[in-house]
């Protein structure tokens, strides 16, 4: 399965954002170890946002993340945030699996 790995990313400091990203990527590695393909929207979006000149970088991150979520078979939610809830809604609407822990993933 293509599994979106979503977690809070935004934070007041670069150090906190990096810590959040590390948590997401560590979970993505565990998803991969289970034989699935992890998809991390923020990993796809950050290079684009860093290279561009976007009026609202958060909106661009979410635009890319939501587009990727729409292509995935399931989501792993690592906590909650406005962005995670937006992505989670896509899976709920389609009746696709929503996991809250890597151990739940077959």
C-alpha atoms as a PDB file:
ATOM      1  CA  UNK A   1       0.000   0.000   0.000  1.00  0.00           C
ATOM      2  CA  UNK A   2       0.939   3.639  -0.420  1.00  0.00           C
ATOM      3  CA  UNK A   3       0.602   4.971   3.110  1.00  0.00           C
ATOM      4  CA  UNK A   4       0.594   8.695   3.857  1.00  0.00           C
ATOM      5  CA  UNK A   5       2.500   9.419   7.056  1.00  0.00           C
ATOM      6  CA  UNK A   6       1.085  12.589   8.569  1.00  0.00           C
ATOM      7  CA  UNK A   7       1.999  14.406  11.716  1.00  0.00           C
ATOM      8  CA  UNK A   8       2.238  17.905  13.054  1.00  0.00           C
ATOM      9  CA  UNK A   9       5.104  19.752  11.357  1.00  0.00           C
ATOM     10  CA  UNK A  10       4.544  23.443  12.052  1.00  0.00           C
ATOM     11  CA  UNK A  11       6.195  24.812  15.178  1.00  0.00           C
ATOM     12  CA  UNK A  12       7.567  28.119  16.424  1.00  0.00           C
ATOM     13  CA  UNK A  13      11.238  27.217  15.984  1.00  0.00           C
ATOM     14  CA  UNK A  14      13.325  25.491  13.326  1.00  0.00           C
ATOM     15  CA  UNK A  15      14.526  23.031  15.976  1.00  0.00           C
ATOM     16  CA  UNK A  16      10.949  22.019  16.828  1.00  0.00           C
ATOM     17  CA  UNK A  17      10.016  21.701  13.149  1.00  0.00           C
ATOM     18  CA  UNK A  18      13.041  19.472  12.600  1.00  0.00           C
ATOM     19  CA  UNK A  19      12.101  17.351  15.608  1.00  0.00           C
ATOM     20  CA  UNK A  20       8.563  16.963  14.206  1.00  0.00           C
ATOM     21  CA  UNK A  21       9.921  16.052  10.771  1.00  0.00           C
ATOM     22  CA  UNK A  22      12.290  13.507  12.295  1.00  0.00           C
ATOM     23  CA  UNK A  23       9.352  11.827  14.068  1.00  0.00           C
ATOM     24  CA  UNK A  24       7.402  11.643  10.798  1.00  0.00           C
ATOM     25  CA  UNK A  25      10.383  10.226   8.894  1.00  0.00           C
ATOM     26  CA  UNK A  26      11.137   7.651  11.604  1.00  0.00           C
ATOM     27  CA  UNK A  27       7.554   6.415  11.366  1.00  0.00           C
ATOM     28  CA  UNK A  28       7.823   6.396   7.561  1.00  0.00           C
ATOM     29  CA  UNK A  29      10.889   4.156   7.842  1.00  0.00           C
ATOM     30  CA  UNK A  30       8.870   1.730   9.983  1.00  0.00           C
ATOM     31  CA  UNK A  31       6.083   1.749   7.378  1.00  0.00           C
ATOM     32  CA  UNK A  32       8.670   0.880   4.739  1.00  0.00           C
ATOM     33  CA  UNK A  33      10.084  -1.890   6.926  1.00  0.00           C
ATOM     34  CA  UNK A  34       6.585  -3.409   6.971  1.00  0.00           C
ATOM     35  CA  UNK A  35       6.742  -3.607   3.164  1.00  0.00           C
ATOM     36  CA  UNK A  36       4.629  -0.582   2.287  1.00  0.00           C
ATOM     37  CA  UNK A  37       5.553   2.631   0.480  1.00  0.00           C
ATOM     38  CA  UNK A  38       5.505   5.623   2.827  1.00  0.00           C
ATOM     39  CA  UNK A  39       4.475   9.017   1.452  1.00  0.00           C
ATOM     40  CA  UNK A  40       5.402  12.120   3.448  1.00  0.00           C
ATOM     41  CA  UNK A  41       3.734  15.218   2.044  1.00  0.00           C
ATOM     42  CA  UNK A  42       5.955  17.672   3.854  1.00  0.00           C
ATOM     43  CA  UNK A  43       9.056  15.962   2.415  1.00  0.00           C
ATOM     44  CA  UNK A  44       7.691  16.485  -1.083  1.00  0.00           C
ATOM     45  CA  UNK A  45       6.616  20.062  -0.376  1.00  0.00           C
ATOM     46  CA  UNK A  46       9.550  21.557   1.524  1.00  0.00           C
ATOM     47  CA  UNK A  47      12.048  21.631  -1.372  1.00  0.00           C
ATOM     48  CA  UNK A  48       9.426  23.281  -3.567  1.00  0.00           C
ATOM     49  CA  UNK A  49       8.548  25.855  -0.925  1.00  0.00           C
ATOM     50  CA  UNK A  50      12.220  26.538  -0.162  1.00  0.00           C
ATOM     51  CA  UNK A  51      12.970  27.104  -3.864  1.00  0.00           C
ATOM     52  CA  UNK A  52       9.919  29.235  -4.539  1.00  0.00           C
ATOM     53  CA  UNK A  53       8.576  32.568  -3.453  1.00  0.00           C
ATOM     54  CA  UNK A  54       5.186  31.710  -1.983  1.00  0.00           C
ATOM     55  CA  UNK A  55       3.051  34.290  -0.232  1.00  0.00           C
ATOM     56  CA  UNK A  56       1.874  31.631   2.213  1.00  0.00           C
ATOM     57  CA  UNK A  57       4.306  28.680   2.441  1.00  0.00           C
ATOM     58  CA  UNK A  58       1.955  26.705   4.695  1.00  0.00           C
ATOM     59  CA  UNK A  59      -0.783  26.800   2.059  1.00  0.00           C
ATOM     60  CA  UNK A  60       1.632  25.465  -0.569  1.00  0.00           C
ATOM     61  CA  UNK A  61       2.805  22.694   1.748  1.00  0.00           C
ATOM     62  CA  UNK A  62      -0.804  21.686   2.338  1.00  0.00           C
ATOM     63  CA  UNK A  63      -1.728  21.927  -1.346  1.00  0.00           C
ATOM     64  CA  UNK A  64       1.015  19.438  -2.203  1.00  0.00           C
ATOM     65  CA  UNK A  65       0.353  17.211   0.812  1.00  0.00           C
ATOM     66  CA  UNK A  66      -3.386  16.992   0.159  1.00  0.00           C
ATOM     67  CA  UNK A  67      -2.783  16.145  -3.505  1.00  0.00           C
ATOM     68  CA  UNK A  68      -0.486  13.300  -2.468  1.00  0.00           C
ATOM     69  CA  UNK A  69      -2.915  12.096   0.194  1.00  0.00           C
ATOM     70  CA  UNK A  70      -5.573  11.744  -2.475  1.00  0.00           C
ATOM     71  CA  UNK A  71      -3.391   9.131  -4.236  1.00  0.00           C
ATOM     72  CA  UNK A  72      -2.657   6.985  -1.164  1.00  0.00           C
ATOM     73  CA  UNK A  73      -4.340   3.821   0.104  1.00  0.00           C
ATOM     74  CA  UNK A  74      -4.180   4.581   3.841  1.00  0.00           C
ATOM     75  CA  UNK A  75      -2.910   7.166   6.316  1.00  0.00           C
ATOM     76  CA  UNK A  76      -0.871   6.916   9.492  1.00  0.00           C
ATOM     77  CA  UNK A  77      -1.675   9.879  11.747  1.00  0.00           C
ATOM     78  CA  UNK A  78       0.975  10.770  14.311  1.00  0.00           C
ATOM     79  CA  UNK A  79      -0.979  13.184  16.434  1.00  0.00           C
ATOM     80  CA  UNK A  80      -3.233  15.960  15.311  1.00  0.00           C
ATOM     81  CA  UNK A  81      -2.959  19.342  13.687  1.00  0.00           C
ATOM     82  CA  UNK A  82      -4.965  21.354  11.197  1.00  0.00           C
ATOM     83  CA  UNK A  83      -2.992  19.760   8.356  1.00  0.00           C
ATOM     84  CA  UNK A  84      -3.291  16.216   9.676  1.00  0.00           C
ATOM     85  CA  UNK A  85      -7.045  16.656  10.008  1.00  0.00           C
ATOM     86  CA  UNK A  86      -7.291  17.924   6.404  1.00  0.00           C
ATOM     87  CA  UNK A  87      -5.397  14.878   5.146  1.00  0.00           C
ATOM     88  CA  UNK A  88      -7.283  12.469   7.417  1.00  0.00           C
ATOM     89  CA  UNK A  89     -10.607  13.746   6.052  1.00  0.00           C
ATOM     90  CA  UNK A  90      -9.647  12.540   2.567  1.00  0.00           C
ATOM     91  CA  UNK A  91      -9.277   8.977   3.831  1.00  0.00           C
ATOM     92  CA  UNK A  92     -12.415   9.112   5.968  1.00  0.00           C
ATOM     93  CA  UNK A  93     -14.445  10.360   2.999  1.00  0.00           C
ATOM     94  CA  UNK A  94     -13.180   7.468   0.846  1.00  0.00           C
ATOM     95  CA  UNK A  95     -13.596   4.860   3.588  1.00  0.00           C
ATOM     96  CA  UNK A  96      -9.860   4.069   3.511  1.00  0.00           C
ATOM     97  CA  UNK A  97      -7.842   2.901   6.528  1.00  0.00           C
ATOM     98  CA  UNK A  98      -6.780   5.474   9.098  1.00  0.00           C
ATOM     99  CA  UNK A  99      -4.043   4.212  11.409  1.00  0.00           C
ATOM    100  CA  UNK A 100      -2.828   5.922  14.550  1.00  0.00           C
ATOM    101  CA  UNK A 101       0.091   3.639  15.295  1.00  0.00           C
ATOM    102  CA  UNK A 102       2.541   1.764  13.093  1.00  0.00           C
ATOM    103  CA  UNK A 103       1.655  -1.440  14.964  1.00  0.00           C
ATOM    104  CA  UNK A 104      -1.893  -1.246  13.508  1.00  0.00           C
ATOM    105  CA  UNK A 105      -0.599  -1.501   9.946  1.00  0.00           C
ATOM    106  CA  UNK A 106      -0.739  -5.040   8.525  1.00  0.00           C
END
